[in-house]
Amino acid sequence: MTREEYEEKRRRLSEDAEDARKALNRARARYEQITDELRDLRIEWQEQQAADRATEK
């Protein structure tokens, strides 16, 4: 492998690593958003169920 080949491969791998890092950060943010939505949905459901039980009495 020549110096030029090494530098080219290193540059491509560095770019790939940066793209992967950005994708990971986007995926992590999306995961956090989804888990927040799930939590909010569960809370809303529990509150609705409690309100329904209170009106049944």
PDB file of N, CA and C in Angstrom:
ATOM      1  N   MET A   1       0.856  -1.168   0.000  1.00  0.00           N
ATOM      2  CA  MET A   1       0.000   0.000   0.000  1.00  0.00           C
ATOM      3  C   MET A   1       0.906   1.235   0.000  1.00  0.00           C
ATOM      4  N   THR A   2       0.594   2.114  -0.886  1.00  0.00           N
ATOM      5  CA  THR A   2       1.375   3.350  -0.955  1.00  0.00           C
ATOM      6  C   THR A   2       0.830   4.355   0.058  1.00  0.00           C
ATOM      7  N   ARG A   3       1.590   5.381   0.267  1.00  0.00           N
ATOM      8  CA  ARG A   3       1.167   6.459   1.168  1.00  0.00           C
ATOM      9  C   ARG A   3      -0.137   7.081   0.670  1.00  0.00           C
ATOM     10  N   GLU A   4      -0.226   7.256  -0.631  1.00  0.00           N
ATOM     11  CA  GLU A   4      -1.428   7.842  -1.233  1.00  0.00           C
ATOM     12  C   GLU A   4      -2.645   6.951  -1.002  1.00  0.00           C
ATOM     13  N   GLU A   5      -2.492   5.648  -1.176  1.00  0.00           N
ATOM     14  CA  GLU A   5      -3.587   4.712  -0.944  1.00  0.00           C
ATOM     15  C   GLU A   5      -4.017   4.733   0.526  1.00  0.00           C
ATOM     16  N   TYR A   6      -3.004   4.773   1.390  1.00  0.00           N
ATOM     17  CA  TYR A   6      -3.284   4.836   2.824  1.00  0.00           C
ATOM     18  C   TYR A   6      -4.093   6.095   3.162  1.00  0.00           C
ATOM     19  N   GLU A   7      -3.633   7.232   2.670  1.00  0.00           N
ATOM     20  CA  GLU A   7      -4.316   8.499   2.968  1.00  0.00           C
ATOM     21  C   GLU A   7      -5.744   8.499   2.426  1.00  0.00           C
ATOM     22  N   GLU A   8      -5.939   7.961   1.223  1.00  0.00           N
ATOM     23  CA  GLU A   8      -7.273   7.907   0.630  1.00  0.00           C
ATOM     24  C   GLU A   8      -8.194   7.007   1.455  1.00  0.00           C
ATOM     25  N   LYS A   9      -7.698   5.843   1.838  1.00  0.00           N
ATOM     26  CA  LYS A   9      -8.515   4.920   2.621  1.00  0.00           C
ATOM     27  C   LYS A   9      -8.824   5.511   3.993  1.00  0.00           C
ATOM     28  N   ARG A  10      -7.838   6.146   4.610  1.00  0.00           N
ATOM     29  CA  ARG A  10      -8.046   6.779   5.912  1.00  0.00           C
ATOM     30  C   ARG A  10      -9.080   7.893   5.814  1.00  0.00           C
ATOM     31  N   ARG A  11      -9.009   8.680   4.738  1.00  0.00           N
ATOM     32  CA  ARG A  11      -9.974   9.763   4.536  1.00  0.00           C
ATOM     33  C   ARG A  11     -11.384   9.196   4.379  1.00  0.00           C
ATOM     34  N   ARG A  12     -11.539   8.152   3.560  1.00  0.00           N
ATOM     35  CA  ARG A  12     -12.857   7.551   3.350  1.00  0.00           C
ATOM     36  C   ARG A  12     -13.409   6.955   4.643  1.00  0.00           C
ATOM     37  N   LEU A  13     -12.546   6.262   5.382  1.00  0.00           N
ATOM     38  CA  LEU A  13     -12.993   5.675   6.643  1.00  0.00           C
ATOM     39  C   LEU A  13     -13.374   6.743   7.659  1.00  0.00           C
ATOM     40  N   SER A  14     -12.632   7.823   7.681  1.00  0.00           N
ATOM     41  CA  SER A  14     -12.960   8.933   8.590  1.00  0.00           C
ATOM     42  C   SER A  14     -14.304   9.543   8.229  1.00  0.00           C
ATOM     43  N   GLU A  15     -14.564   9.706   6.953  1.00  0.00           N
ATOM     44  CA  GLU A  15     -15.852  10.233   6.511  1.00  0.00           C
ATOM     45  C   GLU A  15     -16.981   9.265   6.874  1.00  0.00           C
ATOM     46  N   ASP A  16     -16.755   7.977   6.659  1.00  0.00           N
ATOM     47  CA  ASP A  16     -17.757   6.966   7.019  1.00  0.00           C
ATOM     48  C   ASP A  16     -18.033   6.976   8.516  1.00  0.00           C
ATOM     49  N   ALA A  17     -16.970   7.108   9.294  1.00  0.00           N
ATOM     50  CA  ALA A  17     -17.128   7.137  10.751  1.00  0.00           C
ATOM     51  C   ALA A  17     -17.937   8.361  11.175  1.00  0.00           C
ATOM     52  N   GLU A  18     -17.689   9.490  10.555  1.00  0.00           N
ATOM     53  CA  GLU A  18     -18.429  10.703  10.887  1.00  0.00           C
ATOM     54  C   GLU A  18     -19.899  10.561  10.488  1.00  0.00           C
ATOM     55  N   ASP A  19     -20.161   9.994   9.325  1.00  0.00           N
ATOM     56  CA  ASP A  19     -21.546   9.750   8.897  1.00  0.00           C
ATOM     57  C   ASP A  19     -22.249   8.808   9.872  1.00  0.00           C
ATOM     58  N   ALA A  20     -21.554   7.773  10.300  1.00  0.00           N
ATOM     59  CA  ALA A  20     -22.134   6.814  11.240  1.00  0.00           C
ATOM     60  C   ALA A  20     -22.414   7.473  12.589  1.00  0.00           C
ATOM     61  N   ARG A  21     -21.517   8.338  13.033  1.00  0.00           N
ATOM     62  CA  ARG A  21     -21.719   9.057  14.293  1.00  0.00           C
ATOM     63  C   ARG A  21     -22.962   9.933  14.222  1.00  0.00           C
ATOM     64  N   LYS A  22     -23.126  10.631  13.101  1.00  0.00           N
ATOM     65  CA  LYS A  22     -24.307  11.483  12.931  1.00  0.00           C
ATOM     66  C   LYS A  22     -25.581  10.645  12.902  1.00  0.00           C
ATOM     67  N   ALA A  23     -25.544   9.519  12.210  1.00  0.00           N
ATOM     68  CA  ALA A  23     -26.710   8.634  12.150  1.00  0.00           C
ATOM     69  C   ALA A  23     -27.049   8.099  13.533  1.00  0.00           C
ATOM     70  N   LEU A  24     -26.029   7.740  14.297  1.00  0.00           N
ATOM     71  CA  LEU A  24     -26.247   7.256  15.659  1.00  0.00           C
ATOM     72  C   LEU A  24     -26.902   8.330  16.521  1.00  0.00           C
ATOM     73  N   ASN A  25     -26.427   9.555  16.401  1.00  0.00           N
ATOM     74  CA  ASN A  25     -27.015  10.650  17.179  1.00  0.00           C
ATOM     75  C   ASN A  25     -28.466  10.897  16.788  1.00  0.00           C
ATOM     76  N   ARG A  26     -28.768  10.813  15.474  1.00  0.00           N
ATOM     77  CA  ARG A  26     -30.161  10.967  15.032  1.00  0.00           C
ATOM     78  C   ARG A  26     -31.015   9.830  15.576  1.00  0.00           C
ATOM     79  N   ALA A  27     -30.496   8.617  15.512  1.00  0.00           N
ATOM     80  CA  ALA A  27     -31.246   7.459  16.014  1.00  0.00           C
ATOM     81  C   ALA A  27     -31.466   7.569  17.515  1.00  0.00           C
ATOM     82  N   ARG A  28     -30.469   8.022  18.243  1.00  0.00           N
ATOM     83  CA  ARG A  28     -30.605   8.173  19.690  1.00  0.00           C
ATOM     84  C   ARG A  28     -31.673   9.214  20.021  1.00  0.00           C
ATOM     85  N   ALA A  29     -31.669  10.324  19.291  1.00  0.00           N
ATOM     86  CA  ALA A  29     -32.669  11.366  19.523  1.00  0.00           C
ATOM     87  C   ALA A  29     -34.064  10.844  19.198  1.00  0.00           C
ATOM     88  N   ARG A  30     -34.201  10.089  18.127  1.00  0.00           N
ATOM     89  CA  ARG A  30     -35.503   9.525  17.748  1.00  0.00           C
ATOM     90  C   ARG A  30     -35.979   8.519  18.789  1.00  0.00           C
ATOM     91  N   TYR A  31     -35.052   7.695  19.288  1.00  0.00           N
ATOM     92  CA  TYR A  31     -35.391   6.729  20.327  1.00  0.00           C
ATOM     93  C   TYR A  31     -35.916   7.451  21.571  1.00  0.00           C
ATOM     94  N   GLU A  32     -35.241   8.509  21.963  1.00  0.00           N
ATOM     95  CA  GLU A  32     -35.674   9.264  23.140  1.00  0.00           C
ATOM     96  C   GLU A  32     -37.051   9.884  22.908  1.00  0.00           C
ATOM     97  N   GLN A  33     -37.297  10.371  21.695  1.00  0.00           N
ATOM     98  CA  GLN A  33     -38.600  10.943  21.376  1.00  0.00           C
ATOM     99  C   GLN A  33     -39.692   9.878  21.472  1.00  0.00           C
ATOM    100  N   ILE A  34     -39.430   8.706  20.928  1.00  0.00           N
ATOM    101  CA  ILE A  34     -40.424   7.626  20.960  1.00  0.00           C
ATOM    102  C   ILE A  34     -40.693   7.176  22.387  1.00  0.00           C
ATOM    103  N   THR A  35     -39.640   7.027  23.191  1.00  0.00           N
ATOM    104  CA  THR A  35     -39.864   6.587  24.570  1.00  0.00           C
ATOM    105  C   THR A  35     -40.611   7.656  25.369  1.00  0.00           C
ATOM    106  N   ASP A  36     -40.373   8.925  25.064  1.00  0.00           N
ATOM    107  CA  ASP A  36     -41.145   9.993  25.715  1.00  0.00           C
ATOM    108  C   ASP A  36     -42.619   9.896  25.326  1.00  0.00           C
ATOM    109  N   GLU A  37     -42.885   9.648  24.046  1.00  0.00           N
ATOM    110  CA  GLU A  37     -44.262   9.508  23.591  1.00  0.00           C
ATOM    111  C   GLU A  37     -44.938   8.302  24.249  1.00  0.00           C
ATOM    112  N   LEU A  38     -44.209   7.201  24.386  1.00  0.00           N
ATOM    113  CA  LEU A  38     -44.758   6.022  25.062  1.00  0.00           C
ATOM    114  C   LEU A  38     -45.088   6.318  26.519  1.00  0.00           C
ATOM    115  N   ARG A  39     -44.203   7.023  27.197  1.00  0.00           N
ATOM    116  CA  ARG A  39     -44.446   7.396  28.590  1.00  0.00           C
ATOM    117  C   ARG A  39     -45.682   8.280  28.699  1.00  0.00           C
ATOM    118  N   ASP A  40     -45.766   9.284  27.820  1.00  0.00           N
ATOM    119  CA  ASP A  40     -46.914  10.191  27.852  1.00  0.00           C
ATOM    120  C   ASP A  40     -48.214   9.449  27.572  1.00  0.00           C
ATOM    121  N   LEU A  41     -48.173   8.517  26.625  1.00  0.00           N
ATOM    122  CA  LEU A  41     -49.357   7.717  26.299  1.00  0.00           C
ATOM    123  C   LEU A  41     -49.789   6.879  27.492  1.00  0.00           C
ATOM    124  N   ARG A  42     -48.821   6.256  28.170  1.00  0.00           N
ATOM    125  CA  ARG A  42     -49.137   5.441  29.342  1.00  0.00           C
ATOM    126  C   ARG A  42     -49.756   6.291  30.445  1.00  0.00           C
ATOM    127  N   ILE A  43     -49.196   7.465  30.684  1.00  0.00           N
ATOM    128  CA  ILE A  43     -49.732   8.362  31.711  1.00  0.00           C
ATOM    129  C   ILE A  43     -51.138   8.798  31.345  1.00  0.00           C
ATOM    130  N   GLU A  44     -51.342   9.172  30.084  1.00  0.00           N
ATOM    131  CA  GLU A  44     -52.667   9.591  29.636  1.00  0.00           C
ATOM    132  C   GLU A  44     -53.683   8.461  29.811  1.00  0.00           C
ATOM    133  N   TRP A  45     -53.275   7.248  29.481  1.00  0.00           N
ATOM    134  CA  TRP A  45     -54.159   6.086  29.624  1.00  0.00           C
ATOM    135  C   TRP A  45     -54.509   5.854  31.094  1.00  0.00           C
ATOM    136  N   GLN A  46     -53.517   5.912  31.960  1.00  0.00           N
ATOM    137  CA  GLN A  46     -53.760   5.702  33.391  1.00  0.00           C
ATOM    138  C   GLN A  46     -54.697   6.767  33.944  1.00  0.00           C
ATOM    139  N   GLU A  47     -54.493   8.012  33.522  1.00  0.00           N
ATOM    140  CA  GLU A  47     -55.362   9.091  33.994  1.00  0.00           C
ATOM    141  C   GLU A  47     -56.786   8.896  33.485  1.00  0.00           C
ATOM    142  N   GLN A  48     -56.928   8.460  32.245  1.00  0.00           N
ATOM    143  CA  GLN A  48     -58.264   8.216  31.679  1.00  0.00           C
ATOM    144  C   GLN A  48     -58.949   7.088  32.412  1.00  0.00           C
ATOM    145  N   GLN A  49     -58.212   6.028  32.699  1.00  0.00           N
ATOM    146  CA  GLN A  49     -58.797   4.894  33.407  1.00  0.00           C
ATOM    147  C   GLN A  49     -59.223   5.300  34.808  1.00  0.00           C
ATOM    148  N   ALA A  50     -58.413   6.115  35.471  1.00  0.00           N
ATOM    149  CA  ALA A  50     -58.761   6.571  36.821  1.00  0.00           C
ATOM    150  C   ALA A  50     -60.013   7.455  36.772  1.00  0.00           C
ATOM    151  N   ALA A  51     -60.089   8.320  35.768  1.00  0.00           N
ATOM    152  CA  ALA A  51     -61.260   9.190  35.633  1.00  0.00           C
ATOM    153  C   ALA A  51     -62.513   8.362  35.342  1.00  0.00           C
ATOM    154  N   ASP A  52     -62.378   7.336  34.494  1.00  0.00           N
ATOM    155  CA  ASP A  52     -63.514   6.462  34.189  1.00  0.00           C
ATOM    156  C   ASP A  52     -64.002   5.734  35.428  1.00  0.00           C
ATOM    157  N   ARG A  53     -63.074   5.258  36.246  1.00  0.00           N
ATOM    158  CA  ARG A  53     -63.463   4.554  37.474  1.00  0.00           C
ATOM    159  C   ARG A  53     -64.148   5.514  38.441  1.00  0.00           C
ATOM    160  N   ALA A  54     -63.679   6.748  38.487  1.00  0.00           N
ATOM    161  CA  ALA A  54     -64.267   7.728  39.399  1.00  0.00           C
ATOM    162  C   ALA A  54     -65.691   8.075  38.983  1.00  0.00           C
ATOM    163  N   THR A  55     -65.975   8.125  37.698  1.00  0.00           N
ATOM    164  CA  THR A  55     -67.338   8.448  37.249  1.00  0.00           C
ATOM    165  C   THR A  55     -68.277   7.259  37.346  1.00  0.00           C
ATOM    166  N   GLU A  56     -67.729   6.062  37.412  1.00  0.00           N
ATOM    167  CA  GLU A  56     -68.574   4.867  37.536  1.00  0.00           C
ATOM    168  C   GLU A  56     -69.121   4.712  38.944  1.00  0.00           C
ATOM    169  N   LYS A  57     -68.466   5.308  39.925  1.00  0.00           N
ATOM    170  CA  LYS A  57     -68.878   5.133  41.322  1.00  0.00           C
ATOM    171  C   LYS A  57     -70.040   5.983  41.694  1.00  0.00           C
TER     172      LYS A  57
END
